Structure formats: structure tokens, C-alpha cells
Protein backbone atom coordinates (compact mmCIF):
# COMPACT_ATOMS: atom_id res chain seq x y z
CA UNK A 1 -38.85 6.21 18.15
CA UNK A 2 -35.98 7.87 19.98
CA UNK A 3 -36.10 11.64 20.26
CA UNK A 4 -34.68 13.34 17.15
CA UNK A 5 -32.92 16.66 17.67
CA UNK A 6 -32.59 18.85 14.57
CA UNK A 7 -30.97 22.28 14.39
CA UNK A 8 -32.08 24.90 11.87
CA UNK A 9 -29.30 27.17 10.63
CA UNK A 10 -28.22 29.57 7.91
CA UNK A 11 -25.43 32.14 8.15
CA UNK A 12 -27.63 34.70 6.41
CA UNK A 13 -30.66 36.25 8.06
CA UNK A 14 -34.01 36.89 6.42
CA UNK A 15 -34.31 33.45 4.82
CA UNK A 16 -37.48 32.38 6.72
CA UNK A 17 -35.46 30.04 8.93
CA UNK A 18 -37.57 30.70 12.00
CA UNK A 19 -40.92 30.67 10.20
CA UNK A 20 -40.02 27.33 8.62
CA UNK A 21 -38.95 25.90 11.98
CA UNK A 22 -42.01 27.10 13.89
CA UNK A 23 -44.45 26.06 11.16
CA UNK A 24 -42.89 22.60 11.01
CA UNK A 25 -43.09 22.28 14.80
CA UNK A 26 -46.77 23.18 14.81
CA UNK A 27 -47.64 20.73 12.02
CA UNK A 28 -45.71 17.91 13.71
CA UNK A 29 -47.52 18.55 16.98
CA UNK A 30 -50.96 19.44 15.66
CA UNK A 31 -51.40 17.24 12.61
CA UNK A 32 -49.26 14.25 13.61
CA UNK A 33 -49.67 14.34 17.40
CA UNK A 34 -45.94 14.36 18.03
CA UNK A 35 -44.43 15.74 21.20
CA UNK A 36 -42.28 18.64 20.03
CA UNK A 37 -39.92 21.06 21.77
CA UNK A 38 -38.69 24.25 20.14
CA UNK A 39 -35.42 25.56 21.60
CA UNK A 40 -34.92 29.20 20.63
CA UNK A 41 -31.21 30.02 20.67
CA UNK A 42 -31.51 33.01 18.35
CA UNK A 43 -31.27 36.29 20.33
CA UNK A 44 -33.68 37.86 17.84
CA UNK A 45 -36.29 35.82 19.79
CA UNK A 46 -38.58 35.47 16.77
CA UNK A 47 -39.45 31.82 17.41
CA UNK A 48 -40.30 32.73 20.99
CA UNK A 49 -42.61 35.61 20.11
CA UNK A 50 -44.25 33.58 17.33
CA UNK A 51 -45.21 30.94 19.87
CA UNK A 52 -46.07 32.90 23.02
CA UNK A 53 -46.37 36.53 21.94
CA UNK A 54 -44.29 39.57 22.86
CA UNK A 55 -46.06 40.36 26.15
CA UNK A 56 -45.49 36.88 27.59
CA UNK A 57 -41.89 36.92 26.37
CA UNK A 58 -41.22 40.25 28.11
CA UNK A 59 -42.67 38.84 31.32
CA UNK A 60 -40.44 35.76 31.15
CA UNK A 61 -37.37 37.78 30.22
CA UNK A 62 -37.81 40.15 33.17
CA UNK A 63 -38.19 37.15 35.48
CA UNK A 64 -35.05 35.45 34.16
CA UNK A 65 -37.04 32.54 32.75
CA UNK A 66 -35.22 32.25 29.43
CA UNK A 67 -32.16 30.39 28.19
CA UNK A 68 -30.07 33.51 28.82
CA UNK A 69 -30.15 32.64 32.53
CA UNK A 70 -28.75 29.18 31.80
CA UNK A 71 -25.78 30.65 29.93
CA UNK A 72 -25.34 33.39 32.53
CA UNK A 73 -25.12 30.72 35.24
CA UNK A 74 -22.34 28.96 33.35
CA UNK A 75 -20.36 32.18 33.00
CA UNK A 76 -20.86 33.46 36.54
CA UNK A 77 -20.94 30.19 38.46
CA UNK A 78 -24.49 30.82 39.69
CA UNK A 79 -27.54 28.53 39.80
CA UNK A 80 -30.47 30.75 38.88
CA UNK A 81 -31.88 28.80 35.92
CA UNK A 82 -35.05 26.85 36.67
CA UNK A 83 -35.83 24.47 33.84
CA UNK A 84 -39.37 23.66 34.94
CA UNK A 85 -40.28 27.35 35.18
CA UNK A 86 -38.58 28.35 31.92
CA UNK A 87 -40.17 25.53 29.91
CA UNK A 88 -43.35 26.90 28.32
CA UNK A 89 -45.89 24.15 27.67
CA UNK A 90 -48.68 23.90 25.11
CA UNK A 91 -47.60 26.99 23.19
CA UNK A 92 -48.68 28.27 19.79
CA UNK A 93 -52.25 29.51 20.31
CA UNK A 94 -53.68 26.66 18.21
CA UNK A 95 -56.90 24.89 19.14
CA UNK A 96 -56.61 21.34 20.44
CA UNK A 97 -52.81 21.31 20.32
CA UNK A 98 -51.15 20.56 23.64
CA UNK A 99 -47.91 18.82 22.66
CA UNK A 100 -45.75 21.75 21.57
CA UNK A 101 -43.38 23.22 24.18
CA UNK A 102 -40.82 26.02 24.07
CA UNK A 103 -37.58 27.04 25.76
CA UNK A 104 -37.55 30.81 25.13
CA UNK A 105 -34.71 33.04 24.01
CA UNK A 106 -33.55 36.48 25.11
CA UNK A 107 -31.81 39.49 23.60
CA UNK A 108 -29.23 39.05 26.37
CA UNK A 109 -27.75 36.10 24.48
CA UNK A 110 -25.96 38.62 22.24
CA UNK A 111 -23.75 39.86 25.10
CA UNK A 112 -23.46 36.43 26.70
CA UNK A 113 -22.07 34.90 23.51
CA UNK A 114 -18.99 37.13 23.74
CA UNK A 115 -18.50 36.29 27.42
CA UNK A 116 -18.53 32.55 26.76
CA UNK A 117 -15.10 32.91 25.17
CA UNK A 118 -13.60 33.87 28.53
CA UNK A 119 -15.71 31.52 30.66
CA UNK A 120 -13.60 30.09 33.52
CA UNK A 121 -12.88 26.37 33.28
CA UNK A 122 -14.08 25.67 36.81
CA UNK A 123 -12.87 22.89 39.12
CA UNK A 124 -11.16 20.09 37.18
CA UNK A 125 -11.97 21.86 33.89
CA UNK A 126 -15.61 20.83 34.11
CA UNK A 127 -17.04 23.98 32.51
CA UNK A 128 -17.20 23.58 28.77
CA UNK A 129 -18.71 26.45 26.72
CA UNK A 130 -20.36 24.07 24.23
CA UNK A 131 -22.04 21.73 26.74
CA UNK A 132 -24.00 24.33 28.70
CA UNK A 133 -27.31 23.59 26.99
CA UNK A 134 -26.80 19.83 27.25
CA UNK A 135 -26.09 19.98 30.98
CA UNK A 136 -29.00 22.33 31.58
CA UNK A 137 -31.77 20.42 29.79
CA UNK A 138 -30.58 16.81 29.48
CA UNK A 139 -33.28 15.59 31.84
CA UNK A 140 -36.03 16.45 29.33
CA UNK A 141 -34.34 15.45 26.06
CA UNK A 142 -36.03 12.05 26.05
CA UNK A 143 -39.49 13.53 26.67
CA UNK A 144 -40.08 14.52 23.03
CA UNK A 145 -40.40 12.94 19.62
CA UNK A 146 -38.76 15.93 17.95
CA UNK A 147 -36.67 18.79 19.27
CA UNK A 148 -36.16 21.68 16.84
CA UNK A 149 -33.43 24.21 17.58
CA UNK A 150 -33.64 27.66 16.02
CA UNK A 151 -29.99 28.76 15.81
CA UNK A 152 -28.51 32.24 15.38
CA UNK A 153 -27.09 33.11 11.92
CA UNK A 154 -23.52 32.30 12.97
CA UNK A 155 -21.37 29.42 14.19
CA UNK A 156 -20.47 30.88 17.57
CA UNK A 157 -20.68 29.20 20.96
CA UNK A 158 -24.46 29.60 21.30
CA UNK A 159 -25.01 27.78 18.00
CA UNK A 160 -22.44 25.13 18.92
CA UNK A 161 -24.40 24.44 22.11
CA UNK A 162 -27.41 23.62 19.94
CA UNK A 163 -25.37 21.48 17.58
CA UNK A 164 -23.84 19.65 20.53
CA UNK A 165 -27.19 17.98 21.29
CA UNK A 166 -28.31 17.70 17.65
CA UNK A 167 -28.58 14.54 15.60
CA UNK A 168 -28.72 16.60 12.42
CA UNK A 169 -29.34 20.03 10.94
CA UNK A 170 -31.33 21.57 8.13
CA UNK A 171 -30.52 24.69 6.13
CA UNK A 172 -33.50 26.85 5.15
CA UNK A 173 -32.44 29.18 2.35
CA UNK A 174 -33.75 31.48 -0.33
CA UNK A 175 -32.53 30.05 -3.67
CA UNK A 176 -30.24 32.94 -4.58
CA UNK A 177 -26.49 33.49 -4.56
CA UNK A 178 -26.23 35.45 -1.31
CA UNK A 179 -28.37 33.07 0.74
CA UNK A 180 -26.72 29.86 -0.47
CA UNK A 181 -23.14 31.14 -0.51
CA UNK A 182 -22.40 30.01 3.05
CA UNK A 183 -23.71 26.44 2.71
CA UNK A 184 -20.28 24.84 2.12
CA UNK A 185 -18.91 26.74 5.13
CA UNK A 186 -21.78 25.48 7.30
CA UNK A 187 -21.26 21.87 6.22
CA UNK A 188 -17.47 22.05 6.64
CA UNK A 189 -17.51 23.73 10.05
CA UNK A 190 -20.20 21.47 11.49
CA UNK A 191 -18.36 18.40 10.21
CA UNK A 192 -15.19 19.56 11.97
CA UNK A 193 -17.12 20.26 15.16
CA UNK A 194 -18.75 16.82 14.92
CA UNK A 195 -15.29 15.25 14.65
CA UNK A 196 -14.03 17.29 17.61
CA UNK A 197 -16.77 15.96 19.91
CA UNK A 198 -16.74 12.41 18.57
CA UNK A 199 -15.36 11.04 21.84
CA UNK A 200 -18.31 12.54 23.73
CA UNK A 201 -21.02 12.02 21.13
CA UNK A 202 -21.07 8.69 19.31
CA UNK A 203 -23.33 9.69 16.44
CA UNK A 204 -22.28 12.48 14.10
CA UNK A 205 -24.24 15.62 13.27
CA UNK A 206 -25.78 14.89 9.89
CA UNK A 207 -26.99 17.43 7.32
CA UNK A 208 -30.58 16.31 6.72
CA UNK A 209 -31.26 18.70 3.88
CA UNK A 210 -31.63 22.16 2.37
CA UNK A 211 -35.08 23.74 2.50
CA UNK A 212 -35.94 26.19 -0.30
CA UNK A 213 -37.85 29.20 1.08
CA UNK A 214 -39.37 32.39 -0.36
CA UNK A 215 -39.19 30.83 -3.80
CA UNK A 216 -40.29 33.08 -6.67
CA UNK A 217 -41.21 30.80 -9.54
CA UNK A 218 -41.06 33.69 -12.00
CA UNK A 219 -37.47 34.59 -11.02
CA UNK A 220 -34.89 32.91 -13.29
CA UNK A 221 -32.21 33.17 -10.58
CA UNK A 222 -34.38 31.16 -8.20
CA UNK A 223 -35.02 28.39 -10.72
CA UNK A 224 -31.33 28.27 -11.69
CA UNK A 225 -30.20 28.16 -8.07
CA UNK A 226 -32.73 25.45 -7.19
CA UNK A 227 -31.52 23.36 -10.13
CA UNK A 228 -27.93 23.84 -9.00
CA UNK A 229 -28.78 22.82 -5.42
CA UNK A 230 -30.49 19.66 -6.64
CA UNK A 231 -27.67 18.86 -9.08
CA UNK A 232 -25.07 19.32 -6.32
CA UNK A 233 -26.90 16.95 -3.94
CA UNK A 234 -24.65 14.09 -2.89
CA UNK A 235 -21.65 15.36 -4.85
CA UNK A 236 -18.28 16.07 -3.25
CA UNK A 237 -17.76 19.72 -2.40
CA UNK A 238 -14.73 21.48 -3.82
CA UNK A 239 -11.63 21.21 -1.67
CA UNK A 240 -13.01 18.58 0.72
CA UNK A 241 -14.21 15.01 1.01
CA UNK A 242 -17.62 16.16 2.21
CA UNK A 243 -20.74 15.88 0.08
CA UNK A 244 -23.27 18.59 -0.65
CA UNK A 245 -26.55 18.15 1.29
CA UNK A 246 -29.66 17.00 -0.53
CA UNK A 247 -32.51 19.44 -1.10
CA UNK A 248 -36.02 18.68 0.12
CA UNK A 249 -38.61 18.27 -2.62
CA UNK A 250 -40.97 20.64 -0.82
CA UNK A 251 -40.53 24.32 -1.75
CA UNK A 252 -42.00 27.25 0.20
CA UNK A 253 -43.17 29.95 -2.18
CA UNK A 254 -42.70 33.61 -1.35
CA UNK A 255 -45.90 34.87 0.22
CA UNK A 256 -46.86 37.91 2.27
CA UNK A 257 -49.49 35.81 4.02
CA UNK A 258 -46.76 33.47 5.30
CA UNK A 259 -45.30 36.20 7.50
CA UNK A 260 -48.78 37.26 8.60
CA UNK A 261 -49.66 33.68 9.55
CA UNK A 262 -46.55 33.42 11.70
CA UNK A 263 -47.68 36.33 13.89
CA UNK A 264 -48.94 35.48 17.36
CA UNK A 265 -52.37 36.96 18.12
CA UNK A 266 -53.24 37.03 21.81
CA UNK A 267 -56.97 37.28 21.29
CA UNK A 268 -57.32 34.77 18.50
CA UNK A 269 -57.08 31.00 18.82
CA UNK A 270 -57.20 29.27 15.44
CA UNK A 271 -56.89 25.83 13.89
CA UNK A 272 -53.75 24.88 12.02
CA UNK A 273 -55.55 25.10 8.69
CA UNK A 274 -56.84 28.56 9.54
CA UNK A 275 -53.38 29.71 10.57
CA UNK A 276 -51.33 28.29 7.70
CA UNK A 277 -53.97 27.44 5.12
CA UNK A 278 -54.06 30.61 3.05
CA UNK A 279 -52.35 30.25 -0.33
CA UNK A 280 -51.79 26.53 0.18
CA UNK A 281 -49.30 27.04 3.00
CA UNK A 282 -50.80 24.34 5.22
CA UNK A 283 -50.44 21.77 2.45
CA UNK A 284 -46.84 22.84 1.88
CA UNK A 285 -45.98 22.49 5.56
CA UNK A 286 -47.76 19.14 5.68
CA UNK A 287 -45.74 17.85 2.70
CA UNK A 288 -42.55 19.14 4.29
CA UNK A 289 -43.40 17.50 7.63
CA UNK A 290 -43.83 14.14 5.92
CA UNK A 291 -40.46 14.49 4.18
CA UNK A 292 -38.85 15.64 7.42
CA UNK A 293 -40.15 12.68 9.42
CA UNK A 294 -39.03 10.22 6.75
CA UNK A 295 -35.53 11.68 6.74
CA UNK A 296 -35.34 11.66 10.54
CA UNK A 297 -36.20 7.97 10.65
CA UNK A 298 -33.02 7.29 8.71
CA UNK A 299 -30.63 9.02 11.14
């Protein structure tokens, strides 16, 4: 199978986007022996610290071994980024799992995003603010079965760099009004971006699905919103010729133990079932991974 690159995005924070992405990556690598790369483009760095811990992240950040250096190079015309050194291999602190790698993020991406707007074009207009990531890591794109990109909660240049290499994207969301409000905007904007780069990228950027997170079964608003999401699936969105993304069957229930399981513990190496198993979370991630792989085969 060719490498599948999937971005994870929602314009609203706090929807368990990163936890869903990291958990999926670990299940794909640990339970299904897939080679997986997590690219953390979110300056909150949560995916990074979930996979390597805060101390290791601070060490890498001080040494310039994060994706911030890649974007800084593009802005300043320098060549400081070292892909081999920045790429963190066999991450996640899980026993017997050696096929999950990480390209770490940095808080510095916040400031760099604004500077990308004024990035000089360079000789012959070769510097493009949405191809920085592609040019920096293209040599390893074929090394993985799945590449998961944790995007910031916006559609700025950093996110567009992730989408530029993506085959598709998923939208983790809490099933409530505020969290799902921006879905049509995401679909519309990514479709336009996909059209804009169609001469450079033959395949489009497909919405592979909406992932319901932090679901409270006892909350009427959650059940109503979930029903609406499923009823909208495949239907034309208002004011466009685009269709509403489908919603994955798997639902992640709200659980305090989910956030606890996502924490990286330096002195504790666990199995996947020990890490995600409490409250049925491992089984939920496993079901989601199976759905995810099936969908990816079709794009």
C-alpha cells in the first residue's frame, strides 16, 4: 500500500483532536504493525509531549530540532534544519512498539506563522509558503504506511503546509453546536485550496470523515447533533456543490481516564491495553483504527 497522509483538523480547540490522533497512531503501530509518522504542526505541542514527554521536548526545542527550524529556514533563507536529527524514532513509551515516529512541534510556530505571510519569494519565485513542509521532508514520505498530521485549530499557512502533503483529512469534534459549527467552512476552504494546487498535486484532498469525541450519551444535545451529522452525510451543503462528510461509526465517549491515558510517563513503560484499556478505550480505538484503515484504502 502507498503511504496515506491524513491531516486532523478542527477550528475549535478542546475537542480531543490530538488525543484521537495520537491514540490512533499508537494503535496502528502497536496493534497492526504499521509504520506510522506523527507530524505535529500544532504550536500547542500536545502531540509531541504525549509521545516523548515534556523534558525531551524542551531538550529538542532548545537544540532547534523541531519543525520550527524548518519554517524558520524558509523565512530567513538559512539551512539549519536537520531532518535526521529532528525525526524522533520509536516514540510513545509503549512496550514492543518500534514503528511509531514523530516530527516534533514548537511554541515558536505561533510567531513563525505570521512571518510566513511576508516570506520573500526567493530566486525565480521558488519559495512557496505552503510547500515548506513538503520540500523539507519529502525524502521520508514513502517510508511509512500512515502519516498523521496534527494541525493547529486554524486554516493558516502552517495548516496549509500539512494539507499540501495530505491525501485526506478527518475532523474530530464534540457533537455540540459550537464544535461542529465550523465544519462547512473547513470543507469549503480545503476544497478551494485543493483546487488551487491541482496543477501540482494530482489527487485532491478528501474529507475522510467526522470523528465524534467526548460524547455524553446522557446529553440530548449530543444525541441530536450526532443524528444530524449522520443525516447530513453525503448531502450537498447549503450554498455549494460540496457534500457533507460522513461520520465514523466509532464514537469516543467522554472520559476523565482518556486524558490521563494520553499523558506521557517517563518512568512507566506500558502495553497498549494498559495505556488505553480503562473504560473500554482500547476497544474503541481499535474499532476506529479498523474503520480508518478501510476508508484510507479507498482514497
